[in-house]
Amino acid sequence: MQREWDQAQGLRSMTPASDVALQHTAVHIEVAANFQLACAALQAWIVAKDLKQEQLVGISAMETVTDDGEAVLSVIYRTQHEVAATSL
């Protein structure tokens, strides 16, 4: 019954390993005391990893708890890129 309601609402769940489009997608997460530190760490990781512009799928920001939680930044990226891809 719940699954039928979810489908009627347009909701779905997906396991990345089972979806062909997401097989070459990965996530990197940075957790720090504040967003400035998390941003600096994420930027350094992106530069060290030499991610190309076309590889970035999305970046999200959140906190570990509602009040005074640690900053959490995650980047979803493609693990493969074209030879002519644009550097960040």
PDB file of N, CA and C in Angstrom:
ATOM      1  N   MET A   1       0.820  -1.186   0.000  1.00  0.00           N
ATOM      2  CA  MET A   1       0.000   0.000   0.000  1.00  0.00           C
ATOM      3  C   MET A   1       0.871   1.260   0.000  1.00  0.00           C
ATOM      4  N   GLN A   2       1.907   1.298   0.863  1.00  0.00           N
ATOM      5  CA  GLN A   2       2.800   2.461   0.924  1.00  0.00           C
ATOM      6  C   GLN A   2       3.521   2.659  -0.397  1.00  0.00           C
ATOM      7  N   ARG A   3       3.988   1.579  -1.002  1.00  0.00           N
ATOM      8  CA  ARG A   3       4.709   1.661  -2.281  1.00  0.00           C
ATOM      9  C   ARG A   3       3.811   2.243  -3.372  1.00  0.00           C
ATOM     10  N   GLU A   4       2.554   1.826  -3.397  1.00  0.00           N
ATOM     11  CA  GLU A   4       1.612   2.356  -4.382  1.00  0.00           C
ATOM     12  C   GLU A   4       1.397   3.851  -4.181  1.00  0.00           C
ATOM     13  N   TRP A   5       1.310   4.294  -2.910  1.00  0.00           N
ATOM     14  CA  TRP A   5       1.151   5.715  -2.627  1.00  0.00           C
ATOM     15  C   TRP A   5       2.387   6.482  -3.074  1.00  0.00           C
ATOM     16  N   ASP A   6       3.579   5.958  -2.765  1.00  0.00           N
ATOM     17  CA  ASP A   6       4.830   6.596  -3.170  1.00  0.00           C
ATOM     18  C   ASP A   6       4.894   6.754  -4.687  1.00  0.00           C
ATOM     19  N   GLN A   7       4.530   5.702  -5.410  1.00  0.00           N
ATOM     20  CA  GLN A   7       4.556   5.763  -6.867  1.00  0.00           C
ATOM     21  C   GLN A   7       3.565   6.790  -7.385  1.00  0.00           C
ATOM     22  N   ALA A   8       2.409   6.880  -6.758  1.00  0.00           N
ATOM     23  CA  ALA A   8       1.400   7.854  -7.170  1.00  0.00           C
ATOM     24  C   ALA A   8       1.887   9.279  -6.932  1.00  0.00           C
ATOM     25  N   GLN A   9       2.727   9.482  -5.932  1.00  0.00           N
ATOM     26  CA  GLN A   9       3.261  10.811  -5.620  1.00  0.00           C
ATOM     27  C   GLN A   9       4.524  11.128  -6.419  1.00  0.00           C
ATOM     28  N   GLY A  10       4.997  10.206  -7.226  1.00  0.00           N
ATOM     29  CA  GLY A  10       6.205  10.424  -8.006  1.00  0.00           C
ATOM     30  C   GLY A  10       7.476  10.147  -7.223  1.00  0.00           C
ATOM     31  N   LEU A  11       7.353   9.527  -6.054  1.00  0.00           N
ATOM     32  CA  LEU A  11       8.516   9.216  -5.237  1.00  0.00           C
ATOM     33  C   LEU A  11       9.111   7.886  -5.667  1.00  0.00           C
ATOM     34  N   ARG A  12      10.427   7.798  -5.585  1.00  0.00           N
ATOM     35  CA  ARG A  12      11.079   6.533  -5.885  1.00  0.00           C
ATOM     36  C   ARG A  12      12.386   6.471  -5.127  1.00  0.00           C
ATOM     37  N   SER A  13      12.870   5.289  -4.952  1.00  0.00           N
ATOM     38  CA  SER A  13      14.178   5.120  -4.327  1.00  0.00           C
ATOM     39  C   SER A  13      15.062   4.376  -5.310  1.00  0.00           C
ATOM     40  N   MET A  14      16.363   4.580  -5.151  1.00  0.00           N
ATOM     41  CA  MET A  14      17.283   3.993  -6.114  1.00  0.00           C
ATOM     42  C   MET A  14      18.577   3.641  -5.403  1.00  0.00           C
ATOM     43  N   THR A  15      19.100   2.497  -5.700  1.00  0.00           N
ATOM     44  CA  THR A  15      20.409   2.099  -5.221  1.00  0.00           C
ATOM     45  C   THR A  15      21.399   2.358  -6.346  1.00  0.00           C
ATOM     46  N   PRO A  16      22.378   3.273  -6.144  1.00  0.00           N
ATOM     47  CA  PRO A  16      23.278   3.641  -7.235  1.00  0.00           C
ATOM     48  C   PRO A  16      23.935   2.467  -7.953  1.00  0.00           C
ATOM     49  N   ALA A  17      24.289   1.419  -7.251  1.00  0.00           N
ATOM     50  CA  ALA A  17      24.975   0.292  -7.890  1.00  0.00           C
ATOM     51  C   ALA A  17      24.074  -0.430  -8.882  1.00  0.00           C
ATOM     52  N   SER A  18      22.758  -0.302  -8.716  1.00  0.00           N
ATOM     53  CA  SER A  18      21.849  -1.022  -9.606  1.00  0.00           C
ATOM     54  C   SER A  18      21.394  -0.175 -10.790  1.00  0.00           C
ATOM     55  N   ASP A  19      21.764   1.093 -10.818  1.00  0.00           N
ATOM     56  CA  ASP A  19      21.352   1.986 -11.893  1.00  0.00           C
ATOM     57  C   ASP A  19      22.528   2.227 -12.823  1.00  0.00           C
ATOM     58  N   VAL A  20      22.382   1.902 -14.075  1.00  0.00           N
ATOM     59  CA  VAL A  20      23.464   2.022 -15.049  1.00  0.00           C
ATOM     60  C   VAL A  20      23.984   3.456 -15.117  1.00  0.00           C
ATOM     61  N   ALA A  21      23.087   4.440 -15.073  1.00  0.00           N
ATOM     62  CA  ALA A  21      23.507   5.839 -15.190  1.00  0.00           C
ATOM     63  C   ALA A  21      24.368   6.293 -14.019  1.00  0.00           C
ATOM     64  N   LEU A  22      24.258   5.645 -12.868  1.00  0.00           N
ATOM     65  CA  LEU A  22      24.994   6.064 -11.686  1.00  0.00           C
ATOM     66  C   LEU A  22      26.205   5.189 -11.370  1.00  0.00           C
ATOM     67  N   GLN A  23      26.507   4.224 -12.194  1.00  0.00           N
ATOM     68  CA  GLN A  23      27.620   3.326 -11.895  1.00  0.00           C
ATOM     69  C   GLN A  23      28.962   4.048 -11.866  1.00  0.00           C
ATOM     70  N   HIS A  24      29.107   5.131 -12.579  1.00  0.00           N
ATOM     71  CA  HIS A  24      30.360   5.870 -12.611  1.00  0.00           C
ATOM     72  C   HIS A  24      30.253   7.167 -11.819  1.00  0.00           C
ATOM     73  N   THR A  25      29.471   7.126 -10.737  1.00  0.00           N
ATOM     74  CA  THR A  25      29.254   8.282  -9.885  1.00  0.00           C
ATOM     75  C   THR A  25      29.711   7.956  -8.472  1.00  0.00           C
ATOM     76  N   ALA A  26      30.333   8.936  -7.817  1.00  0.00           N
ATOM     77  CA  ALA A  26      30.809   8.733  -6.453  1.00  0.00           C
ATOM     78  C   ALA A  26      30.486   9.963  -5.617  1.00  0.00           C
ATOM     79  N   VAL A  27      30.651   9.836  -4.315  1.00  0.00           N
ATOM     80  CA  VAL A  27      30.384  10.928  -3.382  1.00  0.00           C
ATOM     81  C   VAL A  27      31.601  11.111  -2.490  1.00  0.00           C
ATOM     82  N   HIS A  28      31.961  12.360  -2.247  1.00  0.00           N
ATOM     83  CA  HIS A  28      33.005  12.683  -1.266  1.00  0.00           C
ATOM     84  C   HIS A  28      32.382  13.603  -0.231  1.00  0.00           C
ATOM     85  N   ILE A  29      32.661  13.347   1.051  1.00  0.00           N
ATOM     86  CA  ILE A  29      32.058  14.114   2.142  1.00  0.00           C
ATOM     87  C   ILE A  29      33.149  14.730   3.003  1.00  0.00           C
ATOM     88  N   GLU A  30      32.966  16.009   3.327  1.00  0.00           N
ATOM     89  CA  GLU A  30      33.855  16.711   4.256  1.00  0.00           C
ATOM     90  C   GLU A  30      33.035  17.143   5.462  1.00  0.00           C
ATOM     91  N   VAL A  31      33.541  16.875   6.659  1.00  0.00           N
ATOM     92  CA  VAL A  31      32.889  17.288   7.899  1.00  0.00           C
ATOM     93  C   VAL A  31      33.894  18.136   8.673  1.00  0.00           C
ATOM     94  N   ALA A  32      33.468  19.308   9.122  1.00  0.00           N
ATOM     95  CA  ALA A  32      34.361  20.206   9.853  1.00  0.00           C
ATOM     96  C   ALA A  32      33.566  20.976  10.899  1.00  0.00           C
ATOM     97  N   ALA A  33      34.283  21.717  11.736  1.00  0.00           N
ATOM     98  CA  ALA A  33      33.643  22.470  12.810  1.00  0.00           C
ATOM     99  C   ALA A  33      32.747  23.582  12.279  1.00  0.00           C
ATOM    100  N   ASN A  34      33.097  24.145  11.110  1.00  0.00           N
ATOM    101  CA  ASN A  34      32.267  25.194  10.516  1.00  0.00           C
ATOM    102  C   ASN A  34      32.365  25.111   8.998  1.00  0.00           C
ATOM    103  N   PHE A  35      31.511  25.886   8.318  1.00  0.00           N
ATOM    104  CA  PHE A  35      31.447  25.793   6.857  1.00  0.00           C
ATOM    105  C   PHE A  35      32.688  26.356   6.170  1.00  0.00           C
ATOM    106  N   GLN A  36      33.360  27.332   6.769  1.00  0.00           N
ATOM    107  CA  GLN A  36      34.588  27.845   6.170  1.00  0.00           C
ATOM    108  C   GLN A  36      35.643  26.750   6.088  1.00  0.00           C
ATOM    109  N   LEU A  37      35.800  25.999   7.163  1.00  0.00           N
ATOM    110  CA  LEU A  37      36.775  24.901   7.176  1.00  0.00           C
ATOM    111  C   LEU A  37      36.365  23.787   6.220  1.00  0.00           C
ATOM    112  N   ALA A  38      35.080  23.465   6.202  1.00  0.00           N
ATOM    113  CA  ALA A  38      34.596  22.403   5.312  1.00  0.00           C
ATOM    114  C   ALA A  38      34.772  22.803   3.851  1.00  0.00           C
ATOM    115  N   CYS A  39      34.492  24.082   3.524  1.00  0.00           N
ATOM    116  CA  CYS A  39      34.663  24.567   2.146  1.00  0.00           C
ATOM    117  C   CYS A  39      36.125  24.514   1.733  1.00  0.00           C
ATOM    118  N   ALA A  40      37.011  24.955   2.609  1.00  0.00           N
ATOM    119  CA  ALA A  40      38.444  24.933   2.296  1.00  0.00           C
ATOM    120  C   ALA A  40      38.925  23.504   2.068  1.00  0.00           C
ATOM    121  N   ALA A  41      38.469  22.588   2.899  1.00  0.00           N
ATOM    122  CA  ALA A  41      38.872  21.189   2.755  1.00  0.00           C
ATOM    123  C   ALA A  41      38.311  20.592   1.469  1.00  0.00           C
ATOM    124  N   LEU A  42      37.062  20.912   1.139  1.00  0.00           N
ATOM    125  CA  LEU A  42      36.454  20.390  -0.080  1.00  0.00           C
ATOM    126  C   LEU A  42      37.142  20.959  -1.320  1.00  0.00           C
ATOM    127  N   GLN A  43      37.447  22.236  -1.302  1.00  0.00           N
ATOM    128  CA  GLN A  43      38.154  22.850  -2.430  1.00  0.00           C
ATOM    129  C   GLN A  43      39.525  22.217  -2.623  1.00  0.00           C
ATOM    130  N   ALA A  44      40.237  21.993  -1.536  1.00  0.00           N
ATOM    131  CA  ALA A  44      41.559  21.370  -1.621  1.00  0.00           C
ATOM    132  C   ALA A  44      41.448  19.953  -2.176  1.00  0.00           C
ATOM    133  N   TRP A  45      40.421  19.220  -1.762  1.00  0.00           N
ATOM    134  CA  TRP A  45      40.238  17.859  -2.266  1.00  0.00           C
ATOM    135  C   TRP A  45      39.931  17.865  -3.757  1.00  0.00           C
ATOM    136  N   ILE A  46      39.070  18.790  -4.193  1.00  0.00           N
ATOM    137  CA  ILE A  46      38.719  18.885  -5.620  1.00  0.00           C
ATOM    138  C   ILE A  46      39.955  19.196  -6.457  1.00  0.00           C
ATOM    139  N   VAL A  47      40.789  20.115  -5.982  1.00  0.00           N
ATOM    140  CA  VAL A  47      42.025  20.459  -6.700  1.00  0.00           C
ATOM    141  C   VAL A  47      42.973  19.267  -6.723  1.00  0.00           C
ATOM    142  N   ALA A  48      43.141  18.603  -5.588  1.00  0.00           N
ATOM    143  CA  ALA A  48      44.039  17.442  -5.526  1.00  0.00           C
ATOM    144  C   ALA A  48      43.549  16.309  -6.413  1.00  0.00           C
ATOM    145  N   LYS A  49      42.245  16.131  -6.491  1.00  0.00           N
ATOM    146  CA  LYS A  49      41.642  15.082  -7.310  1.00  0.00           C
ATOM    147  C   LYS A  49      41.629  15.465  -8.786  1.00  0.00           C
ATOM    148  N   ASP A  50      41.854  16.762  -9.079  1.00  0.00           N
ATOM    149  CA  ASP A  50      41.849  17.310 -10.437  1.00  0.00           C
ATOM    150  C   ASP A  50      40.524  17.021 -11.147  1.00  0.00           C
ATOM    151  N   LEU A  51      39.419  17.282 -10.424  1.00  0.00           N
ATOM    152  CA  LEU A  51      38.102  17.093 -11.030  1.00  0.00           C
ATOM    153  C   LEU A  51      37.878  18.139 -12.110  1.00  0.00           C
ATOM    154  N   LYS A  52      37.247  17.739 -13.174  1.00  0.00           N
ATOM    155  CA  LYS A  52      36.909  18.640 -14.268  1.00  0.00           C
ATOM    156  C   LYS A  52      35.494  19.175 -14.064  1.00  0.00           C
ATOM    157  N   GLN A  53      35.196  20.299 -14.691  1.00  0.00           N
ATOM    158  CA  GLN A  53      33.894  20.942 -14.530  1.00  0.00           C
ATOM    159  C   GLN A  53      32.749  19.998 -14.867  1.00  0.00           C
ATOM    160  N   GLU A  54      32.882  19.227 -15.934  1.00  0.00           N
ATOM    161  CA  GLU A  54      31.811  18.327 -16.364  1.00  0.00           C
ATOM    162  C   GLU A  54      31.609  17.142 -15.417  1.00  0.00           C
ATOM    163  N   GLN A  55      32.566  16.896 -14.543  1.00  0.00           N
ATOM    164  CA  GLN A  55      32.430  15.781 -13.608  1.00  0.00           C
ATOM    165  C   GLN A  55      31.525  16.108 -12.428  1.00  0.00           C
ATOM    166  N   LEU A  56      31.387  17.386 -12.088  1.00  0.00           N
ATOM    167  CA  LEU A  56      30.589  17.761 -10.922  1.00  0.00           C
ATOM    168  C   LEU A  56      29.108  17.612 -11.212  1.00  0.00           C
ATOM    169  N   VAL A  57      28.447  16.840 -10.380  1.00  0.00           N
ATOM    170  CA  VAL A  57      27.007  16.637 -10.509  1.00  0.00           C
ATOM    171  C   VAL A  57      26.276  17.549  -9.537  1.00  0.00           C
ATOM    172  N   GLY A  58      26.757  17.631  -8.305  1.00  0.00           N
ATOM    173  CA  GLY A  58      26.102  18.483  -7.321  1.00  0.00           C
ATOM    174  C   GLY A  58      26.887  18.576  -6.034  1.00  0.00           C
ATOM    175  N   ILE A  59      26.644  19.643  -5.301  1.00  0.00           N
ATOM    176  CA  ILE A  59      27.256  19.860  -3.993  1.00  0.00           C
ATOM    177  C   ILE A  59      26.128  20.184  -3.028  1.00  0.00           C
ATOM    178  N   SER A  60      26.144  19.553  -1.864  1.00  0.00           N
ATOM    179  CA  SER A  60      25.109  19.850  -0.874  1.00  0.00           C
ATOM    180  C   SER A  60      25.751  20.216   0.455  1.00  0.00           C
ATOM    181  N   ALA A  61      25.036  21.008   1.220  1.00  0.00           N
ATOM    182  CA  ALA A  61      25.507  21.456   2.526  1.00  0.00           C
ATOM    183  C   ALA A  61      24.450  21.153   3.570  1.00  0.00           C
ATOM    184  N   MET A  62      24.897  20.697   4.727  1.00  0.00           N
ATOM    185  CA  MET A  62      23.992  20.420   5.833  1.00  0.00           C
ATOM    186  C   MET A  62      24.774  20.451   7.132  1.00  0.00           C
ATOM    187  N   GLU A  63      24.111  20.272   8.238  1.00  0.00           N
ATOM    188  CA  GLU A  63      24.760  20.182   9.539  1.00  0.00           C
ATOM    189  C   GLU A  63      24.427  18.843  10.166  1.00  0.00           C
ATOM    190  N   THR A  64      25.294  18.395  11.074  1.00  0.00           N
ATOM    191  CA  THR A  64      25.095  17.086  11.698  1.00  0.00           C
ATOM    192  C   THR A  64      23.908  17.094  12.665  1.00  0.00           C
ATOM    193  N   VAL A  65      23.679  18.207  13.337  1.00  0.00           N
ATOM    194  CA  VAL A  65      22.510  18.372  14.213  1.00  0.00           C
ATOM    195  C   VAL A  65      21.947  19.764  13.987  1.00  0.00           C
ATOM    196  N   THR A  66      20.728  19.999  14.453  1.00  0.00           N
ATOM    197  CA  THR A  66      20.047  21.259  14.177  1.00  0.00           C
ATOM    198  C   THR A  66      20.761  22.462  14.786  1.00  0.00           C
ATOM    199  N   ASP A  67      21.118  22.405  16.053  1.00  0.00           N
ATOM    200  CA  ASP A  67      21.764  23.544  16.723  1.00  0.00           C
ATOM    201  C   ASP A  67      23.246  23.279  16.915  1.00  0.00           C
ATOM    202  N   ASP A  68      24.071  24.162  16.363  1.00  0.00           N
ATOM    203  CA  ASP A  68      25.527  24.109  16.534  1.00  0.00           C
ATOM    204  C   ASP A  68      26.138  22.769  16.145  1.00  0.00           C
ATOM    205  N   GLY A  69      25.663  22.212  15.059  1.00  0.00           N
ATOM    206  CA  GLY A  69      26.237  20.965  14.568  1.00  0.00           C
ATOM    207  C   GLY A  69      27.472  21.223  13.720  1.00  0.00           C
ATOM    208  N   GLU A  70      28.165  20.163  13.386  1.00  0.00           N
ATOM    209  CA  GLU A  70      29.307  20.283  12.493  1.00  0.00           C
ATOM    210  C   GLU A  70      28.806  20.514  11.073  1.00  0.00           C
ATOM    211  N   ALA A  71      29.610  21.194  10.286  1.00  0.00           N
ATOM    212  CA  ALA A  71      29.266  21.457   8.890  1.00  0.00           C
ATOM    213  C   ALA A  71      29.587  20.216   8.063  1.00  0.00           C
ATOM    214  N   VAL A  72      28.666  19.855   7.174  1.00  0.00           N
ATOM    215  CA  VAL A  72      28.849  18.697   6.300  1.00  0.00           C
ATOM    216  C   VAL A  72      28.646  19.151   4.853  1.00  0.00           C
ATOM    217  N   LEU A  73      29.669  18.976   4.028  1.00  0.00           N
ATOM    218  CA  LEU A  73      29.569  19.266   2.602  1.00  0.00           C
ATOM    219  C   LEU A  73      29.804  17.969   1.851  1.00  0.00           C
ATOM    220  N   SER A  74      28.968  17.718   0.869  1.00  0.00           N
ATOM    221  CA  SER A  74      29.177  16.531   0.046  1.00  0.00           C
ATOM    222  C   SER A  74      29.157  16.930  -1.415  1.00  0.00           C
ATOM    223  N   VAL A  75      30.019  16.304  -2.183  1.00  0.00           N
ATOM    224  CA  VAL A  75      30.071  16.543  -3.617  1.00  0.00           C
ATOM    225  C   VAL A  75      29.805  15.220  -4.316  1.00  0.00           C
ATOM    226  N   ILE A  76      28.894  15.254  -5.262  1.00  0.00           N
ATOM    227  CA  ILE A  76      28.600  14.089  -6.095  1.00  0.00           C
ATOM    228  C   ILE A  76      29.285  14.353  -7.425  1.00  0.00           C
ATOM    229  N   TYR A  77      30.084  13.392  -7.870  1.00  0.00           N
ATOM    230  CA  TYR A  77      30.862  13.612  -9.084  1.00  0.00           C
ATOM    231  C   TYR A  77      30.950  12.345  -9.921  1.00  0.00           C
ATOM    232  N   ARG A  78      31.209  12.548 -11.192  1.00  0.00           N
ATOM    233  CA  ARG A  78      31.433  11.421 -12.095  1.00  0.00           C
ATOM    234  C   ARG A  78      32.889  10.999 -11.971  1.00  0.00           C
ATOM    235  N   THR A  79      33.134   9.710 -11.909  1.00  0.00           N
ATOM    236  CA  THR A  79      34.497   9.214 -11.740  1.00  0.00           C
ATOM    237  C   THR A  79      35.291   9.228 -13.034  1.00  0.00           C
ATOM    238  N   GLN A  80      34.617   9.356 -14.161  1.00  0.00           N
ATOM    239  CA  GLN A  80      35.293   9.392 -15.454  1.00  0.00           C
ATOM    240  C   GLN A  80      35.033  10.733 -16.120  1.00  0.00           C
ATOM    241  N   HIS A  81      35.964  11.145 -16.991  1.00  0.00           N
ATOM    242  CA  HIS A  81      35.762  12.402 -17.716  1.00  0.00           C
ATOM    243  C   HIS A  81      36.341  12.290 -19.118  1.00  0.00           C
ATOM    244  N   GLU A  82      35.866  13.169 -19.972  1.00  0.00           N
ATOM    245  CA  GLU A  82      36.363  13.232 -21.337  1.00  0.00           C
ATOM    246  C   GLU A  82      37.753  13.866 -21.339  1.00  0.00           C
ATOM    247  N   VAL A  83      38.546  13.525 -22.325  1.00  0.00           N
ATOM    248  CA  VAL A  83      39.900  14.072 -22.440  1.00  0.00           C
ATOM    249  C   VAL A  83      39.877  15.586 -22.575  1.00  0.00           C
ATOM    250  N   ALA A  84      38.895  16.126 -23.278  1.00  0.00           N
ATOM    251  CA  ALA A  84      38.813  17.563 -23.526  1.00  0.00           C
ATOM    252  C   ALA A  84      38.004  18.302 -22.449  1.00  0.00           C
ATOM    253  N   ALA A  85      37.784  17.711 -21.295  1.00  0.00           N
ATOM    254  CA  ALA A  85      36.973  18.323 -20.250  1.00  0.00           C
ATOM    255  C   ALA A  85      37.651  19.579 -19.717  1.00  0.00           C
ATOM    256  N   THR A  86      36.840  20.518 -19.257  1.00  0.00           N
ATOM    257  CA  THR A  86      37.308  21.806 -18.760  1.00  0.00           C
ATOM    258  C   THR A  86      37.761  21.712 -17.309  1.00  0.00           C
ATOM    259  N   SER A  87      38.960  22.195 -17.028  1.00  0.00           N
ATOM    260  CA  SER A  87      39.447  22.233 -15.644  1.00  0.00           C
ATOM    261  C   SER A  87      38.673  23.279 -14.847  1.00  0.00           C
ATOM    262  N   LEU A  88      38.597  23.079 -13.558  1.00  0.00           N
ATOM    263  CA  LEU A  88      37.895  24.053 -12.700  1.00  0.00           C
ATOM    264  C   LEU A  88      38.766  25.255 -12.453  1.00  0.00           C
TER     265      LEU A  88
END
